[in-house]
Amino acid sequence: MSRRRKRHSPEQIIRKLRDADAMLAGGKTIGEVCQALETSEQTFHRWRNQYGGMKAEEAKRLKKLEEENKRLKRLLAEAELDKAILREVLEGN
């Protein structure tokens, strides 16, 4: 049976990383910490690379910027597609 995938907000991730740091300082292993946080070690390391040292406000801003970047890339791709279609129509005439 596959586990249902959870999506965590940047604030939740930062809170979990802070808790993990406290547990690691308390002498727990990474395996024990990941079990307590209900995440895999791979996820833990990815979160640490992406969000390590960030504050919650910074993570929110990063998430908003990433969403805006995705939206702008989609708009650019649509514009490029429109240009290509127009070019084909002009070449056909």
PDB file of N, CA and C in Angstrom:
ATOM      1  N   MET A   1       0.841  -1.173   0.000  1.00  0.00           N
ATOM      2  CA  MET A   1       0.000   0.000   0.000  1.00  0.00           C
ATOM      3  C   MET A   1       0.889   1.240   0.000  1.00  0.00           C
ATOM      4  N   SER A   2       0.630   2.172  -0.899  1.00  0.00           N
ATOM      5  CA  SER A   2       1.469   3.364  -0.979  1.00  0.00           C
ATOM      6  C   SER A   2       1.005   4.401   0.036  1.00  0.00           C
ATOM      7  N   ARG A   3       1.961   5.156   0.516  1.00  0.00           N
ATOM      8  CA  ARG A   3       1.629   6.211   1.472  1.00  0.00           C
ATOM      9  C   ARG A   3       1.113   7.419   0.735  1.00  0.00           C
ATOM     10  N   ARG A   4       0.161   8.088   1.338  1.00  0.00           N
ATOM     11  CA  ARG A   4      -0.370   9.298   0.744  1.00  0.00           C
ATOM     12  C   ARG A   4       0.658  10.396   0.897  1.00  0.00           C
ATOM     13  N   ARG A   5       0.890  11.105  -0.178  1.00  0.00           N
ATOM     14  CA  ARG A   5       1.908  12.151  -0.175  1.00  0.00           C
ATOM     15  C   ARG A   5       1.366  13.404   0.501  1.00  0.00           C
ATOM     16  N   LYS A   6       2.144  13.930   1.421  1.00  0.00           N
ATOM     17  CA  LYS A   6       1.744  15.146   2.128  1.00  0.00           C
ATOM     18  C   LYS A   6       2.481  16.338   1.543  1.00  0.00           C
ATOM     19  N   ARG A   7       1.797  17.422   1.437  1.00  0.00           N
ATOM     20  CA  ARG A   7       2.424  18.674   1.034  1.00  0.00           C
ATOM     21  C   ARG A   7       2.561  19.531   2.279  1.00  0.00           C
ATOM     22  N   HIS A   8       3.749  19.995   2.532  1.00  0.00           N
ATOM     23  CA  HIS A   8       4.001  20.841   3.687  1.00  0.00           C
ATOM     24  C   HIS A   8       4.211  22.272   3.214  1.00  0.00           C
ATOM     25  N   SER A   9       3.704  23.205   3.985  1.00  0.00           N
ATOM     26  CA  SER A   9       3.943  24.610   3.677  1.00  0.00           C
ATOM     27  C   SER A   9       5.368  24.948   4.089  1.00  0.00           C
ATOM     28  N   PRO A  10       5.936  25.999   3.517  1.00  0.00           N
ATOM     29  CA  PRO A  10       7.299  26.390   3.928  1.00  0.00           C
ATOM     30  C   PRO A  10       7.412  26.628   5.433  1.00  0.00           C
ATOM     31  N   GLU A  11       6.360  27.178   6.029  1.00  0.00           N
ATOM     32  CA  GLU A  11       6.388  27.429   7.477  1.00  0.00           C
ATOM     33  C   GLU A  11       6.468  26.114   8.258  1.00  0.00           C
ATOM     34  N   GLN A  12       5.700  25.110   7.796  1.00  0.00           N
ATOM     35  CA  GLN A  12       5.730  23.806   8.462  1.00  0.00           C
ATOM     36  C   GLN A  12       7.109  23.161   8.318  1.00  0.00           C
ATOM     37  N   ILE A  13       7.699  23.292   7.144  1.00  0.00           N
ATOM     38  CA  ILE A  13       9.014  22.700   6.906  1.00  0.00           C
ATOM     39  C   ILE A  13      10.049  23.344   7.818  1.00  0.00           C
ATOM     40  N   ILE A  14      10.021  24.665   7.911  1.00  0.00           N
ATOM     41  CA  ILE A  14      10.989  25.367   8.761  1.00  0.00           C
ATOM     42  C   ILE A  14      10.792  24.981  10.221  1.00  0.00           C
ATOM     43  N   ARG A  15       9.536  24.845  10.647  1.00  0.00           N
ATOM     44  CA  ARG A  15       9.258  24.432  12.023  1.00  0.00           C
ATOM     45  C   ARG A  15       9.808  23.020  12.259  1.00  0.00           C
ATOM     46  N   LYS A  16       9.600  22.121  11.295  1.00  0.00           N
ATOM     47  CA  LYS A  16      10.108  20.750  11.445  1.00  0.00           C
ATOM     48  C   LYS A  16      11.636  20.732  11.453  1.00  0.00           C
ATOM     49  N   LEU A  17      12.263  21.562  10.630  1.00  0.00           N
ATOM     50  CA  LEU A  17      13.730  21.618  10.624  1.00  0.00           C
ATOM     51  C   LEU A  17      14.257  22.140  11.959  1.00  0.00           C
ATOM     52  N   ARG A  18      13.566  23.120  12.533  1.00  0.00           N
ATOM     53  CA  ARG A  18      13.970  23.651  13.833  1.00  0.00           C
ATOM     54  C   ARG A  18      13.851  22.568  14.905  1.00  0.00           C
ATOM     55  N   ASP A  19      12.729  21.811  14.851  1.00  0.00           N
ATOM     56  CA  ASP A  19      12.549  20.712  15.796  1.00  0.00           C
ATOM     57  C   ASP A  19      13.638  19.658  15.602  1.00  0.00           C
ATOM     58  N   ALA A  20      13.967  19.382  14.332  1.00  0.00           N
ATOM     59  CA  ALA A  20      14.999  18.378  14.028  1.00  0.00           C
ATOM     60  C   ALA A  20      16.344  18.806  14.597  1.00  0.00           C
ATOM     61  N   ASP A  21      16.682  20.084  14.453  1.00  0.00           N
ATOM     62  CA  ASP A  21      17.949  20.574  14.997  1.00  0.00           C
ATOM     63  C   ASP A  21      18.002  20.380  16.512  1.00  0.00           C
ATOM     64  N   ALA A  22      16.871  20.637  17.173  1.00  0.00           N
ATOM     65  CA  ALA A  22      16.823  20.463  18.630  1.00  0.00           C
ATOM     66  C   ALA A  22      17.001  18.984  18.995  1.00  0.00           C
ATOM     67  N   MET A  23      16.348  18.101  18.231  1.00  0.00           N
ATOM     68  CA  MET A  23      16.473  16.667  18.519  1.00  0.00           C
ATOM     69  C   MET A  23      17.896  16.176  18.255  1.00  0.00           C
ATOM     70  N   LEU A  24      18.504  16.658  17.162  1.00  0.00           N
ATOM     71  CA  LEU A  24      19.873  16.254  16.846  1.00  0.00           C
ATOM     72  C   LEU A  24      20.833  16.745  17.921  1.00  0.00           C
ATOM     73  N   ALA A  25      20.602  17.965  18.424  1.00  0.00           N
ATOM     74  CA  ALA A  25      21.438  18.500  19.498  1.00  0.00           C
ATOM     75  C   ALA A  25      21.235  17.693  20.775  1.00  0.00           C
ATOM     76  N   GLY A  26      20.056  17.104  20.910  1.00  0.00           N
ATOM     77  CA  GLY A  26      19.764  16.274  22.083  1.00  0.00           C
ATOM     78  C   GLY A  26      20.336  14.876  21.992  1.00  0.00           C
ATOM     79  N   GLY A  27      20.998  14.561  20.884  1.00  0.00           N
ATOM     80  CA  GLY A  27      21.678  13.288  20.778  1.00  0.00           C
ATOM     81  C   GLY A  27      20.966  12.233  19.948  1.00  0.00           C
ATOM     82  N   LYS A  28      19.849  12.588  19.326  1.00  0.00           N
ATOM     83  CA  LYS A  28      19.146  11.614  18.487  1.00  0.00           C
ATOM     84  C   LYS A  28      19.852  11.471  17.143  1.00  0.00           C
ATOM     85  N   THR A  29      19.659  10.325  16.506  1.00  0.00           N
ATOM     86  CA  THR A  29      20.232  10.107  15.182  1.00  0.00           C
ATOM     87  C   THR A  29      19.298  10.695  14.126  1.00  0.00           C
ATOM     88  N   ILE A  30      19.814  10.846  12.917  1.00  0.00           N
ATOM     89  CA  ILE A  30      18.989  11.378  11.825  1.00  0.00           C
ATOM     90  C   ILE A  30      17.804  10.452  11.564  1.00  0.00           C
ATOM     91  N   GLY A  31      18.029   9.153  11.654  1.00  0.00           N
ATOM     92  CA  GLY A  31      16.947   8.186  11.465  1.00  0.00           C
ATOM     93  C   GLY A  31      15.829   8.377  12.476  1.00  0.00           C
ATOM     94  N   GLU A  32      16.206   8.556  13.734  1.00  0.00           N
ATOM     95  CA  GLU A  32      15.204   8.771  14.791  1.00  0.00           C
ATOM     96  C   GLU A  32      14.463  10.084  14.582  1.00  0.00           C
ATOM     97  N   VAL A  33      15.201  11.124  14.174  1.00  0.00           N
ATOM     98  CA  VAL A  33      14.588  12.431  13.926  1.00  0.00           C
ATOM     99  C   VAL A  33      13.584  12.342  12.779  1.00  0.00           C
ATOM    100  N   CYS A  34      13.986  11.676  11.697  1.00  0.00           N
ATOM    101  CA  CYS A  34      13.096  11.547  10.538  1.00  0.00           C
ATOM    102  C   CYS A  34      11.852  10.754  10.898  1.00  0.00           C
ATOM    103  N   GLN A  35      12.015   9.737  11.728  1.00  0.00           N
ATOM    104  CA  GLN A  35      10.864   8.950  12.164  1.00  0.00           C
ATOM    105  C   GLN A  35       9.919   9.822  12.988  1.00  0.00           C
ATOM    106  N   ALA A  36      10.457  10.655  13.862  1.00  0.00           N
ATOM    107  CA  ALA A  36       9.633  11.540  14.681  1.00  0.00           C
ATOM    108  C   ALA A  36       8.919  12.590  13.825  1.00  0.00           C
ATOM    109  N   LEU A  37       9.591  13.061  12.775  1.00  0.00           N
ATOM    110  CA  LEU A  37       8.999  14.077  11.894  1.00  0.00           C
ATOM    111  C   LEU A  37       8.095  13.467  10.825  1.00  0.00           C
ATOM    112  N   GLU A  38       8.107  12.139  10.741  1.00  0.00           N
ATOM    113  CA  GLU A  38       7.329  11.400   9.740  1.00  0.00           C
ATOM    114  C   GLU A  38       7.733  11.783   8.318  1.00  0.00           C
ATOM    115  N   THR A  39       9.050  11.847   8.082  1.00  0.00           N
ATOM    116  CA  THR A  39       9.583  12.116   6.749  1.00  0.00           C
ATOM    117  C   THR A  39      10.704  11.122   6.469  1.00  0.00           C
ATOM    118  N   SER A  40      11.056  11.017   5.201  1.00  0.00           N
ATOM    119  CA  SER A  40      12.191  10.164   4.854  1.00  0.00           C
ATOM    120  C   SER A  40      13.476  10.975   5.035  1.00  0.00           C
ATOM    121  N   GLU A  41      14.593  10.265   5.104  1.00  0.00           N
ATOM    122  CA  GLU A  41      15.882  10.966   5.223  1.00  0.00           C
ATOM    123  C   GLU A  41      16.140  11.804   3.986  1.00  0.00           C
ATOM    124  N   GLN A  42      15.740  11.296   2.824  1.00  0.00           N
ATOM    125  CA  GLN A  42      15.927  12.044   1.575  1.00  0.00           C
ATOM    126  C   GLN A  42      15.173  13.367   1.633  1.00  0.00           C
ATOM    127  N   THR A  43      13.929  13.325   2.094  1.00  0.00           N
ATOM    128  CA  THR A  43      13.134  14.543   2.216  1.00  0.00           C
ATOM    129  C   THR A  43      13.771  15.504   3.213  1.00  0.00           C
ATOM    130  N   PHE A  44      14.231  14.968   4.337  1.00  0.00           N
ATOM    131  CA  PHE A  44      14.868  15.793   5.355  1.00  0.00           C
ATOM    132  C   PHE A  44      16.070  16.534   4.787  1.00  0.00           C
ATOM    133  N   HIS A  45      16.924  15.813   4.053  1.00  0.00           N
ATOM    134  CA  HIS A  45      18.124  16.445   3.492  1.00  0.00           C
ATOM    135  C   HIS A  45      17.751  17.457   2.409  1.00  0.00           C
ATOM    136  N   ARG A  46      16.736  17.158   1.612  1.00  0.00           N
ATOM    137  CA  ARG A  46      16.295  18.110   0.574  1.00  0.00           C
ATOM    138  C   ARG A  46      15.766  19.384   1.233  1.00  0.00           C
ATOM    139  N   TRP A  47      14.948  19.213   2.277  1.00  0.00           N
ATOM    140  CA  TRP A  47      14.431  20.379   2.997  1.00  0.00           C
ATOM    141  C   TRP A  47      15.565  21.193   3.592  1.00  0.00           C
ATOM    142  N   ARG A  48      16.540  20.511   4.167  1.00  0.00           N
ATOM    143  CA  ARG A  48      17.652  21.225   4.801  1.00  0.00           C
ATOM    144  C   ARG A  48      18.438  22.021   3.759  1.00  0.00           C
ATOM    145  N   ASN A  49      18.647  21.426   2.578  1.00  0.00           N
ATOM    146  CA  ASN A  49      19.359  22.142   1.513  1.00  0.00           C
ATOM    147  C   ASN A  49      18.560  23.340   1.018  1.00  0.00           C
ATOM    148  N   GLN A  50      17.244  23.174   0.917  1.00  0.00           N
ATOM    149  CA  GLN A  50      16.419  24.239   0.358  1.00  0.00           C
ATOM    150  C   GLN A  50      16.074  25.312   1.385  1.00  0.00           C
ATOM    151  N   TYR A  51      15.732  24.888   2.606  1.00  0.00           N
ATOM    152  CA  TYR A  51      15.218  25.834   3.601  1.00  0.00           C
ATOM    153  C   TYR A  51      16.126  26.046   4.801  1.00  0.00           C
ATOM    154  N   GLY A  52      17.251  25.374   4.867  1.00  0.00           N
ATOM    155  CA  GLY A  52      18.119  25.488   6.034  1.00  0.00           C
ATOM    156  C   GLY A  52      18.550  26.925   6.296  1.00  0.00           C
ATOM    157  N   GLY A  53      18.378  27.393   7.512  1.00  0.00           N
ATOM    158  CA  GLY A  53      18.790  28.740   7.884  1.00  0.00           C
ATOM    159  C   GLY A  53      17.798  29.828   7.517  1.00  0.00           C
ATOM    160  N   MET A  54      16.678  29.453   6.915  1.00  0.00           N
ATOM    161  CA  MET A  54      15.682  30.461   6.525  1.00  0.00           C
ATOM    162  C   MET A  54      14.710  30.724   7.659  1.00  0.00           C
ATOM    163  N   LYS A  55      14.129  31.899   7.616  1.00  0.00           N
ATOM    164  CA  LYS A  55      13.033  32.225   8.522  1.00  0.00           C
ATOM    165  C   LYS A  55      11.734  32.007   7.763  1.00  0.00           C
ATOM    166  N   ALA A  56      10.638  31.916   8.481  1.00  0.00           N
ATOM    167  CA  ALA A  56       9.346  31.611   7.869  1.00  0.00           C
ATOM    168  C   ALA A  56       8.963  32.651   6.814  1.00  0.00           C
ATOM    169  N   GLU A  57       9.235  33.937   7.091  1.00  0.00           N
ATOM    170  CA  GLU A  57       8.870  34.992   6.123  1.00  0.00           C
ATOM    171  C   GLU A  57       9.653  34.824   4.823  1.00  0.00           C
ATOM    172  N   GLU A  58      10.936  34.469   4.964  1.00  0.00           N
ATOM    173  CA  GLU A  58      11.773  34.284   3.778  1.00  0.00           C
ATOM    174  C   GLU A  58      11.276  33.109   2.949  1.00  0.00           C
ATOM    175  N   ALA A  59      10.840  32.057   3.621  1.00  0.00           N
ATOM    176  CA  ALA A  59      10.334  30.883   2.911  1.00  0.00           C
ATOM    177  C   ALA A  59       9.042  31.216   2.173  1.00  0.00           C
ATOM    178  N   LYS A  60       8.175  32.009   2.811  1.00  0.00           N
ATOM    179  CA  LYS A  60       6.930  32.434   2.141  1.00  0.00           C
ATOM    180  C   LYS A  60       7.260  33.219   0.887  1.00  0.00           C
ATOM    181  N   ARG A  61       8.201  34.140   1.016  1.00  0.00           N
ATOM    182  CA  ARG A  61       8.589  34.980  -0.125  1.00  0.00           C
ATOM    183  C   ARG A  61       9.190  34.128  -1.239  1.00  0.00           C
ATOM    184  N   LEU A  62      10.031  33.164  -0.875  1.00  0.00           N
ATOM    185  CA  LEU A  62      10.626  32.263  -1.865  1.00  0.00           C
ATOM    186  C   LEU A  62       9.538  31.498  -2.601  1.00  0.00           C
ATOM    187  N   LYS A  63       8.556  30.986  -1.867  1.00  0.00           N
ATOM    188  CA  LYS A  63       7.471  30.217  -2.484  1.00  0.00           C
ATOM    189  C   LYS A  63       6.682  31.099  -3.449  1.00  0.00           C
ATOM    190  N   LYS A  64       6.394  32.337  -3.051  1.00  0.00           N
ATOM    191  CA  LYS A  64       5.665  33.257  -3.932  1.00  0.00           C
ATOM    192  C   LYS A  64       6.468  33.560  -5.192  1.00  0.00           C
ATOM    193  N   LEU A  65       7.765  33.769  -5.030  1.00  0.00           N
ATOM    194  CA  LEU A  65       8.619  34.047  -6.187  1.00  0.00           C
ATOM    195  C   LEU A  65       8.676  32.851  -7.135  1.00  0.00           C
ATOM    196  N   GLU A  66       8.737  31.653  -6.566  1.00  0.00           N
ATOM    197  CA  GLU A  66       8.760  30.455  -7.404  1.00  0.00           C
ATOM    198  C   GLU A  66       7.460  30.318  -8.196  1.00  0.00           C
ATOM    199  N   GLU A  67       6.326  30.604  -7.541  1.00  0.00           N
ATOM    200  CA  GLU A  67       5.034  30.537  -8.236  1.00  0.00           C
ATOM    201  C   GLU A  67       4.952  31.583  -9.339  1.00  0.00           C
ATOM    202  N   GLU A  68       5.405  32.792  -9.058  1.00  0.00           N
ATOM    203  CA  GLU A  68       5.389  33.857 -10.058  1.00  0.00           C
ATOM    204  C   GLU A  68       6.298  33.501 -11.233  1.00  0.00           C
ATOM    205  N   ASN A  69       7.457  32.923 -10.938  1.00  0.00           N
ATOM    206  CA  ASN A  69       8.389  32.510 -11.982  1.00  0.00           C
ATOM    207  C   ASN A  69       7.748  31.446 -12.883  1.00  0.00           C
ATOM    208  N   LYS A  70       7.055  30.490 -12.273  1.00  0.00           N
ATOM    209  CA  LYS A  70       6.380  29.440 -13.035  1.00  0.00           C
ATOM    210  C   LYS A  70       5.315  30.049 -13.951  1.00  0.00           C
ATOM    211  N   ARG A  71       4.558  31.008 -13.409  1.00  0.00           N
ATOM    212  CA  ARG A  71       3.507  31.669 -14.193  1.00  0.00           C
ATOM    213  C   ARG A  71       4.110  32.434 -15.378  1.00  0.00           C
ATOM    214  N   LEU A  72       5.194  33.156 -15.134  1.00  0.00           N
ATOM    215  CA  LEU A  72       5.833  33.924 -16.202  1.00  0.00           C
ATOM    216  C   LEU A  72       6.429  33.014 -17.275  1.00  0.00           C
ATOM    217  N   LYS A  73       6.997  31.889 -16.867  1.00  0.00           N
ATOM    218  CA  LYS A  73       7.540  30.939 -17.842  1.00  0.00           C
ATOM    219  C   LYS A  73       6.431  30.381 -18.721  1.00  0.00           C
ATOM    220  N   ARG A  74       5.282  30.103 -18.117  1.00  0.00           N
ATOM    221  CA  ARG A  74       4.146  29.598 -18.885  1.00  0.00           C
ATOM    222  C   ARG A  74       3.671  30.636 -19.895  1.00  0.00           C
ATOM    223  N   LEU A  75       3.592  31.902 -19.464  1.00  0.00           N
ATOM    224  CA  LEU A  75       3.184  32.983 -20.367  1.00  0.00           C
ATOM    225  C   LEU A  75       4.173  33.138 -21.522  1.00  0.00           C
ATOM    226  N   LEU A  76       5.458  33.048 -21.219  1.00  0.00           N
ATOM    227  CA  LEU A  76       6.475  33.158 -22.259  1.00  0.00           C
ATOM    228  C   LEU A  76       6.357  32.011 -23.253  1.00  0.00           C
ATOM    229  N   ALA A  77       6.125  30.810 -22.757  1.00  0.00           N
ATOM    230  CA  ALA A  77       5.983  29.653 -23.645  1.00  0.00           C
ATOM    231  C   ALA A  77       4.778  29.830 -24.557  1.00  0.00           C
ATOM    232  N   GLU A  78       3.679  30.348 -24.012  1.00  0.00           N
ATOM    233  CA  GLU A  78       2.489  30.589 -24.832  1.00  0.00           C
ATOM    234  C   GLU A  78       2.771  31.646 -25.891  1.00  0.00           C
ATOM    235  N   ALA A  79       3.488  32.706 -25.530  1.00  0.00           N
ATOM    236  CA  ALA A  79       3.811  33.762 -26.490  1.00  0.00           C
ATOM    237  C   ALA A  79       4.714  33.229 -27.599  1.00  0.00           C
ATOM    238  N   GLU A  80       5.681  32.397 -27.231  1.00  0.00           N
ATOM    239  CA  GLU A  80       6.576  31.807 -28.228  1.00  0.00           C
ATOM    240  C   GLU A  80       5.799  30.900 -29.173  1.00  0.00           C
ATOM    241  N   LEU A  81       4.841  30.170 -28.642  1.00  0.00           N
ATOM    242  CA  LEU A  81       4.009  29.295 -29.469  1.00  0.00           C
ATOM    243  C   LEU A  81       3.182  30.134 -30.450  1.00  0.00           C
ATOM    244  N   ASP A  82       2.608  31.228 -29.959  1.00  0.00           N
ATOM    245  CA  ASP A  82       1.842  32.126 -30.831  1.00  0.00           C
ATOM    246  C   ASP A  82       2.720  32.673 -31.956  1.00  0.00           C
ATOM    247  N   LYS A  83       3.940  33.061 -31.613  1.00  0.00           N
ATOM    248  CA  LYS A  83       4.865  33.582 -32.634  1.00  0.00           C
ATOM    249  C   LYS A  83       5.182  32.523 -33.679  1.00  0.00           C
ATOM    250  N   ALA A  84       5.396  31.299 -33.242  1.00  0.00           N
ATOM    251  CA  ALA A  84       5.714  30.215 -34.166  1.00  0.00           C
ATOM    252  C   ALA A  84       4.541  29.943 -35.101  1.00  0.00           C
ATOM    253  N   ILE A  85       3.329  29.983 -34.583  1.00  0.00           N
ATOM    254  CA  ILE A  85       2.135  29.767 -35.410  1.00  0.00           C
ATOM    255  C   ILE A  85       2.011  30.875 -36.444  1.00  0.00           C
ATOM    256  N   LEU A  86       2.205  32.116 -36.018  1.00  0.00           N
ATOM    257  CA  LEU A  86       2.119  33.241 -36.950  1.00  0.00           C
ATOM    258  C   LEU A  86       3.192  33.142 -38.034  1.00  0.00           C
ATOM    259  N   ARG A  87       4.390  32.718 -37.643  1.00  0.00           N
ATOM    260  CA  ARG A  87       5.476  32.553 -38.610  1.00  0.00           C
ATOM    261  C   ARG A  87       5.104  31.509 -39.677  1.00  0.00           C
ATOM    262  N   GLU A  88       4.509  30.408 -39.228  1.00  0.00           N
ATOM    263  CA  GLU A  88       4.102  29.357 -40.166  1.00  0.00           C
ATOM    264  C   GLU A  88       3.038  29.860 -41.116  1.00  0.00           C
ATOM    265  N   VAL A  89       2.095  30.626 -40.609  1.00  0.00           N
ATOM    266  CA  VAL A  89       1.018  31.160 -41.448  1.00  0.00           C
ATOM    267  C   VAL A  89       1.595  32.124 -42.479  1.00  0.00           C
ATOM    268  N   LEU A  90       2.513  32.976 -42.045  1.00  0.00           N
ATOM    269  CA  LEU A  90       3.120  33.933 -42.990  1.00  0.00           C
ATOM    270  C   LEU A  90       3.945  33.250 -44.063  1.00  0.00           C
ATOM    271  N   GLU A  91       4.657  32.190 -43.687  1.00  0.00           N
ATOM    272  CA  GLU A  91       5.466  31.457 -44.664  1.00  0.00           C
ATOM    273  C   GLU A  91       4.584  30.723 -45.657  1.00  0.00           C
ATOM    274  N   GLY A  92       3.406  30.310 -45.220  1.00  0.00           N
ATOM    275  CA  GLY A  92       2.485  29.588 -46.100  1.00  0.00           C
ATOM    276  C   GLY A  92       1.867  30.480 -47.158  1.00  0.00           C
ATOM    277  N   ASN A  93       1.819  31.778 -46.921  1.00  0.00           N
ATOM    278  CA  ASN A  93       1.188  32.709 -47.897  1.00  0.00           C
ATOM    279  C   ASN A  93       2.143  33.202 -48.907  1.00  0.00           C
TER     280      ASN A  93
END
